[in-house]
Amino acid sequence: MNSLNRFKIEKYTPRKKNYWNNMVKKLTNDIFFFHRDYFSYFKSNFKENSLIIYDNKLKKFIGFIPGNISKNTFYSFEKLTFGGVFLENLYYKNIFFNDIFNTLINYLKKKKVKKVFFRFLPSLYYSNHNALLLSYLNNLKRSKIFTEISSYVNLSKLNNFSNLRIRSLNKNKDLIIKKEKITKKFWNFVSKNLRLKYQVNPVHTYKEIKFLEKKFPKNILFLSCYKSNIFLGGLVLFKFGEVLKIQYVGFDEKYKYLNPQDSITSHIIKKNTFNDVKILDFGISTENNGKLINKNLLFYKETFGAINFNYFKISCYL
């Protein structure tokens, strides 16, 4: 069999839902936002073009690529924090990956795609197999690699808070942390905060995040903070196996002086709130594809003992 004919790229269709979900569970440590039920909220406002990789010789599906095509560009994935090419371990060997990559490029060219943009799933989240994909994409025309800075703490190790953070926490020991369901009031805080600071709206509407919270109650979590019976705000956390990622932050500006975010973050780190979680990912501290570093935000995360690492993205032309 000709090596380029061994592999086939197919567009995902609903008939392949079970194959897709089984591969998500097997190949990505069950990263929940690659699950088909998560994708379902895109239907009304987004045209998906995810792909499945098939081994013609062994007659089985061996991998998948979450993605969409917009204005002759293939994104993996435009509406998600991460994307990539996910394969059974065997196929990350260059003898196979070279043929899979060429098959993918030929498929995209036939679809009149001129440019690709990938967001890579960081090694914190699963066994990192990005090396070949990043190198192959970087060898295409006019490639550009973007690096975002994120920060994390290892919850299984002793984390030393800075004196500044300790003083802040000591002043507000009476704040109460609760695990609750996401509320409309909280979402209003999130929306207002994002509009004021970055002139953007949340990626999810309130209706969408409630739909997803209901679909994935073990993966989409909300910790709130109160002073007596006064609701101060909270954090929405996305759980990916052993990694907990801060996804949305929203607090009442009137009570920012109480530093409720400090209390929730400390609660996660020090109280071992989630027994099966080992890593807390604070999310990125960069803007404009990593070109602008928010130094104040980065410093804030470092005061919790956080270690910095990179999210990688790449764009290139076919």
Protein backbone atom coordinates (compact mmCIF):
# COMPACT_ATOMS: atom_id res chain seq x y z
CA MET A 1 0.00 0.00 0.00
CA ASN A 2 1.30 3.45 -0.97
CA SER A 3 2.24 5.25 2.26
CA LEU A 4 0.13 8.29 1.36
CA ASN A 5 -2.87 6.02 0.78
CA ARG A 6 -2.57 4.29 4.12
CA PHE A 7 -4.23 7.14 6.01
CA LYS A 8 -7.47 8.91 5.28
CA ILE A 9 -8.87 12.18 6.67
CA GLU A 10 -12.64 12.38 7.07
CA LYS A 11 -14.85 15.22 8.22
CA TYR A 12 -16.59 14.44 11.50
CA THR A 13 -20.30 13.61 11.21
CA PRO A 14 -22.78 12.81 14.00
CA ARG A 15 -22.70 9.11 13.00
CA LYS A 16 -19.12 9.02 14.33
CA LYS A 17 -19.98 10.49 17.74
CA ASN A 18 -19.16 7.34 19.72
CA TYR A 19 -15.85 6.81 17.88
CA TRP A 20 -14.93 10.45 18.58
CA ASN A 21 -15.83 10.38 22.28
CA ASN A 22 -13.98 7.09 22.80
CA MET A 23 -10.86 8.61 21.25
CA VAL A 24 -11.16 11.72 23.43
CA LYS A 25 -11.24 9.49 26.50
CA LYS A 26 -8.38 7.29 25.33
CA LEU A 27 -6.04 9.80 23.67
CA THR A 28 -6.34 13.00 25.77
CA ASN A 29 -6.98 11.86 29.35
CA ASP A 30 -10.63 12.72 28.65
CA ILE A 31 -10.24 16.48 28.04
CA PHE A 32 -13.92 17.25 28.42
CA PHE A 33 -14.19 20.18 26.05
CA PHE A 34 -13.27 17.92 23.14
CA HIS A 35 -16.34 15.82 24.02
CA ARG A 36 -19.18 16.00 21.48
CA ASP A 37 -21.65 17.21 24.11
CA TYR A 38 -19.42 20.23 24.72
CA PHE A 39 -19.25 20.97 20.99
CA SER A 40 -23.03 20.89 20.77
CA TYR A 41 -23.35 24.42 22.11
CA PHE A 42 -21.53 25.74 19.01
CA LYS A 43 -24.26 24.54 16.65
CA SER A 44 -26.35 27.69 16.55
CA ASN A 45 -23.55 30.18 15.88
CA PHE A 46 -20.55 28.33 14.53
CA LYS A 47 -19.60 26.07 11.62
CA GLU A 48 -17.42 23.21 12.83
CA ASN A 49 -15.11 21.23 10.56
CA SER A 50 -13.47 18.70 12.87
CA LEU A 51 -11.60 15.78 11.33
CA ILE A 52 -11.10 12.08 12.03
CA ILE A 53 -8.01 10.12 10.94
CA TYR A 54 -8.44 6.59 9.62
CA ASP A 55 -5.84 3.84 9.09
CA ASN A 56 -6.83 2.07 5.86
CA LYS A 57 -4.45 -0.84 6.50
CA LEU A 58 -5.73 -1.66 10.00
CA LYS A 59 -9.26 -0.45 9.17
CA LYS A 60 -9.78 1.69 12.27
CA PHE A 61 -9.96 5.28 13.45
CA ILE A 62 -6.66 6.30 15.04
CA GLY A 63 -7.01 9.99 15.83
CA PHE A 64 -8.96 13.23 15.61
CA ILE A 65 -8.48 16.96 15.06
CA PRO A 66 -10.95 19.44 16.57
CA GLY A 67 -11.31 22.29 14.13
CA ASN A 68 -13.21 24.68 11.92
CA ILE A 69 -12.67 26.47 8.61
CA SER A 70 -13.26 30.21 8.38
CA LYS A 71 -12.22 32.47 5.49
CA ASN A 72 -9.91 29.83 3.97
CA THR A 73 -8.18 29.23 7.31
CA PHE A 74 -8.31 25.94 9.23
CA TYR A 75 -8.31 26.57 12.99
CA SER A 76 -7.73 23.99 15.69
CA PHE A 77 -9.69 25.33 17.37
CA GLU A 78 -11.10 28.86 17.01
CA LYS A 79 -13.65 28.57 19.84
CA LEU A 80 -11.53 26.54 22.28
CA THR A 81 -8.47 27.39 24.36
CA PHE A 82 -6.63 24.40 22.87
CA GLY A 83 -6.62 22.18 19.80
CA GLY A 84 -4.16 19.90 18.04
CA VAL A 85 -3.74 16.52 16.35
CA PHE A 86 -4.49 13.64 18.74
CA LEU A 87 -3.34 10.14 17.82
CA GLU A 88 -2.79 6.71 19.28
CA ASN A 89 0.76 6.64 20.68
CA LEU A 90 2.15 4.45 17.90
CA TYR A 91 1.34 7.06 15.25
CA TYR A 92 3.40 9.81 16.84
CA LYS A 93 6.49 8.03 15.51
CA ASN A 94 7.84 9.96 12.54
CA ILE A 95 7.54 6.99 10.15
CA PHE A 96 3.74 7.31 10.52
CA PHE A 97 3.37 10.97 11.44
CA ASN A 98 5.05 12.18 8.24
CA ASP A 99 2.41 10.39 6.13
CA ILE A 100 -0.47 11.53 8.38
CA PHE A 101 0.69 15.15 8.18
CA ASN A 102 1.02 15.05 4.38
CA THR A 103 -2.42 13.45 4.10
CA LEU A 104 -3.84 16.23 6.27
CA ILE A 105 -2.21 18.98 4.19
CA ASN A 106 -3.47 17.42 0.93
CA TYR A 107 -6.98 17.19 2.39
CA LEU A 108 -6.95 20.86 3.47
CA LYS A 109 -5.65 22.02 0.09
CA LYS A 110 -8.51 20.21 -1.63
CA LYS A 111 -10.86 22.16 0.65
CA LYS A 112 -9.19 25.37 -0.61
CA VAL A 113 -7.63 26.08 2.77
CA LYS A 114 -4.71 28.51 2.46
CA LYS A 115 -3.70 28.95 6.08
CA VAL A 116 -3.73 26.92 9.32
CA PHE A 117 -3.74 28.05 12.95
CA PHE A 118 -3.17 25.60 15.82
CA ARG A 119 -3.43 26.09 19.58
CA PHE A 120 -1.47 23.36 21.34
CA LEU A 121 -2.65 21.52 24.43
CA PRO A 122 0.12 22.09 27.05
CA SER A 123 2.13 19.21 28.46
CA LEU A 124 0.59 19.86 31.91
CA TYR A 125 -2.68 18.45 30.58
CA TYR A 126 -1.48 15.21 28.97
CA SER A 127 1.61 13.40 27.70
CA ASN A 128 2.98 16.00 25.35
CA HIS A 129 3.15 14.80 21.73
CA ASN A 130 3.34 18.25 20.10
CA ALA A 131 7.00 18.10 19.05
CA LEU A 132 6.53 16.65 15.54
CA LEU A 133 3.39 18.65 14.76
CA LEU A 134 5.02 21.92 15.81
CA SER A 135 8.14 21.17 13.75
CA TYR A 136 6.21 20.11 10.65
CA LEU A 137 3.96 23.18 10.79
CA ASN A 138 6.97 25.42 11.37
CA ASN A 139 8.46 24.12 8.09
CA LEU A 140 5.47 25.38 6.11
CA LYS A 141 5.41 28.79 4.45
CA ARG A 142 5.47 32.00 6.51
CA SER A 143 5.13 30.19 9.80
CA LYS A 144 4.86 32.20 13.00
CA ILE A 145 4.97 30.75 16.52
CA PHE A 146 3.23 32.59 19.34
CA THR A 147 3.95 31.96 23.01
CA GLU A 148 1.51 32.85 25.77
CA ILE A 149 2.65 32.90 29.41
CA SER A 150 0.54 31.00 31.92
CA SER A 151 1.29 30.10 35.55
CA TYR A 152 0.60 27.04 37.68
CA VAL A 153 1.06 25.65 41.17
CA ASN A 154 1.63 22.01 42.02
CA LEU A 155 -0.91 21.25 44.74
CA SER A 156 0.99 18.18 45.91
CA LYS A 157 3.96 20.30 46.94
CA LEU A 158 4.43 23.00 49.58
CA ASN A 159 3.71 26.39 48.00
CA ASN A 160 5.21 29.45 49.64
CA PHE A 161 3.00 32.52 49.39
CA SER A 162 4.70 35.92 49.35
CA ASN A 163 4.53 38.14 52.44
CA LEU A 164 2.23 40.49 50.51
CA ARG A 165 -0.25 37.68 49.84
CA ILE A 166 -0.08 36.40 53.42
CA ARG A 167 -0.85 39.87 54.79
CA SER A 168 -3.84 40.15 52.45
CA LEU A 169 -5.20 36.78 53.57
CA ASN A 170 -4.69 37.53 57.26
CA LYS A 171 -6.76 40.71 57.00
CA ASN A 172 -9.78 38.85 55.64
CA LYS A 173 -9.95 35.56 57.51
CA ASP A 174 -13.71 35.78 57.97
CA LEU A 175 -14.57 35.33 54.28
CA ILE A 176 -16.61 32.22 53.49
CA ILE A 177 -15.93 30.00 50.46
CA LYS A 178 -18.73 27.86 49.00
CA LYS A 179 -19.07 25.43 46.14
CA GLU A 180 -22.26 26.40 44.29
CA LYS A 181 -23.89 26.59 40.88
CA ILE A 182 -23.08 29.50 38.55
CA THR A 183 -25.49 32.39 39.08
CA LYS A 184 -26.69 35.20 36.82
CA LYS A 185 -25.35 37.76 39.31
CA PHE A 186 -21.88 36.25 39.09
CA TRP A 187 -22.03 36.18 35.28
CA ASN A 188 -22.89 39.87 35.27
CA PHE A 189 -19.70 40.49 37.29
CA VAL A 190 -17.69 38.46 34.75
CA SER A 191 -19.16 40.34 31.77
CA LYS A 192 -18.65 43.76 33.35
CA ASN A 193 -15.06 42.95 34.33
CA LEU A 194 -14.12 41.75 30.82
CA ARG A 195 -15.74 44.75 29.13
CA LEU A 196 -14.00 47.24 31.43
CA LYS A 197 -10.54 45.66 31.26
CA TYR A 198 -10.36 44.17 27.77
CA GLN A 199 -13.41 45.48 25.85
CA VAL A 200 -14.63 41.93 25.18
CA ASN A 201 -17.53 39.73 26.26
CA PRO A 202 -17.17 36.25 27.80
CA VAL A 203 -16.67 33.48 25.23
CA HIS A 204 -19.83 31.85 26.65
CA THR A 205 -23.16 33.52 27.24
CA TYR A 206 -24.88 32.86 30.56
CA LYS A 207 -27.28 30.48 28.83
CA GLU A 208 -24.36 28.57 27.26
CA ILE A 209 -22.32 28.24 30.46
CA LYS A 210 -25.40 26.98 32.34
CA PHE A 211 -26.05 24.44 29.59
CA LEU A 212 -22.43 23.22 29.81
CA GLU A 213 -22.44 23.21 33.62
CA LYS A 214 -25.45 20.91 33.52
CA LYS A 215 -23.80 18.65 30.91
CA PHE A 216 -20.46 18.49 32.75
CA PRO A 217 -21.12 18.93 36.49
CA LYS A 218 -17.84 17.22 37.42
CA ASN A 219 -15.78 19.39 35.08
CA ILE A 220 -17.29 22.88 35.33
CA LEU A 221 -17.11 24.06 38.93
CA PHE A 222 -17.95 27.32 40.69
CA LEU A 223 -16.45 28.56 43.95
CA SER A 224 -18.09 31.63 45.46
CA CYS A 225 -17.02 33.97 48.23
CA TYR A 226 -19.18 35.66 50.90
CA LYS A 227 -18.73 38.08 53.74
CA SER A 228 -21.53 37.15 56.12
CA ASN A 229 -24.45 36.91 53.67
CA ILE A 230 -23.02 39.35 51.10
CA PHE A 231 -22.07 37.71 47.80
CA LEU A 232 -18.66 39.05 46.68
CA GLY A 233 -18.13 37.01 43.51
CA GLY A 234 -16.26 33.87 42.55
CA LEU A 235 -14.27 31.74 40.12
CA VAL A 236 -15.40 29.30 37.44
CA LEU A 237 -12.95 26.41 37.21
CA PHE A 238 -12.60 23.89 34.39
CA LYS A 239 -11.36 20.48 35.52
CA PHE A 240 -9.27 18.41 33.10
CA GLY A 241 -8.28 15.21 34.88
CA GLU A 242 -5.65 16.22 37.42
CA VAL A 243 -5.55 19.85 36.21
CA LEU A 244 -7.85 22.61 37.44
CA LYS A 245 -7.89 25.76 35.27
CA ILE A 246 -9.23 29.15 36.32
CA GLN A 247 -11.56 29.96 33.42
CA TYR A 248 -13.66 32.93 34.56
CA VAL A 249 -13.16 35.52 37.30
CA GLY A 250 -15.95 37.81 38.50
CA PHE A 251 -16.21 39.98 41.62
CA ASP A 252 -18.26 42.94 42.81
CA GLU A 253 -16.06 46.00 42.38
CA LYS A 254 -17.43 47.47 45.63
CA TYR A 255 -15.78 44.68 47.62
CA LYS A 256 -12.51 44.26 45.75
CA TYR A 257 -10.72 45.75 48.79
CA LEU A 258 -11.55 42.51 50.67
CA ASN A 259 -9.47 40.56 48.14
CA PRO A 260 -11.98 37.69 47.80
CA GLN A 261 -10.05 36.18 44.88
CA ASP A 262 -7.07 35.69 47.21
CA SER A 263 -9.26 33.78 49.64
CA ILE A 264 -10.67 31.43 47.00
CA THR A 265 -7.28 30.78 45.41
CA SER A 266 -5.71 30.11 48.82
CA HIS A 267 -8.62 27.80 49.66
CA ILE A 268 -7.90 25.72 46.53
CA ILE A 269 -4.16 25.57 47.16
CA LYS A 270 -4.02 25.14 50.92
CA LYS A 271 -7.22 23.26 51.73
CA ASN A 272 -6.86 20.57 49.05
CA THR A 273 -10.41 21.38 47.96
CA PHE A 274 -10.36 18.83 45.13
CA ASN A 275 -8.67 15.60 46.22
CA ASP A 276 -7.90 14.28 42.73
CA VAL A 277 -6.41 17.55 41.43
CA LYS A 278 -2.62 18.03 41.34
CA ILE A 279 -2.22 21.21 39.28
CA LEU A 280 -3.90 24.63 39.41
CA ASP A 281 -3.49 26.53 36.12
CA PHE A 282 -4.07 30.26 36.58
CA GLY A 283 -4.44 30.87 32.84
CA ILE A 284 -2.55 33.31 30.63
CA SER A 285 -1.12 36.70 31.58
CA THR A 286 -0.53 37.84 28.02
CA GLU A 287 -2.53 39.62 25.34
CA ASN A 288 -2.37 40.01 21.56
CA ASN A 289 -1.06 36.47 20.94
CA GLY A 290 1.61 36.83 23.63
CA LYS A 291 3.07 40.13 22.43
CA LEU A 292 1.94 42.04 25.52
CA ILE A 293 2.71 40.75 29.03
CA ASN A 294 0.35 41.87 31.78
CA LYS A 295 3.09 42.28 34.39
CA ASN A 296 0.75 43.10 37.27
CA LEU A 297 -1.36 40.00 36.62
CA LEU A 298 1.74 37.82 36.28
CA PHE A 299 3.16 39.20 39.54
CA TYR A 300 -0.15 38.50 41.30
CA LYS A 301 -0.01 34.82 40.31
CA GLU A 302 3.63 34.53 41.32
CA THR A 303 2.76 35.72 44.85
CA PHE A 304 0.96 32.38 45.29
CA GLY A 305 4.20 30.56 44.45
CA ALA A 306 3.17 29.96 40.84
CA ILE A 307 5.63 28.75 38.20
CA ASN A 308 5.42 30.17 34.69
CA PHE A 309 5.09 28.04 31.55
CA ASN A 310 4.02 28.50 27.93
CA TYR A 311 0.98 27.90 25.78
CA PHE A 312 2.07 27.58 22.14
CA LYS A 313 0.19 28.65 19.02
CA ILE A 314 1.31 28.63 15.40
CA SER A 315 0.04 30.02 12.10
CA CYS A 316 1.38 29.11 8.66
CA TYR A 317 0.41 29.01 5.00
CA LEU A 318 -0.03 25.93 2.80
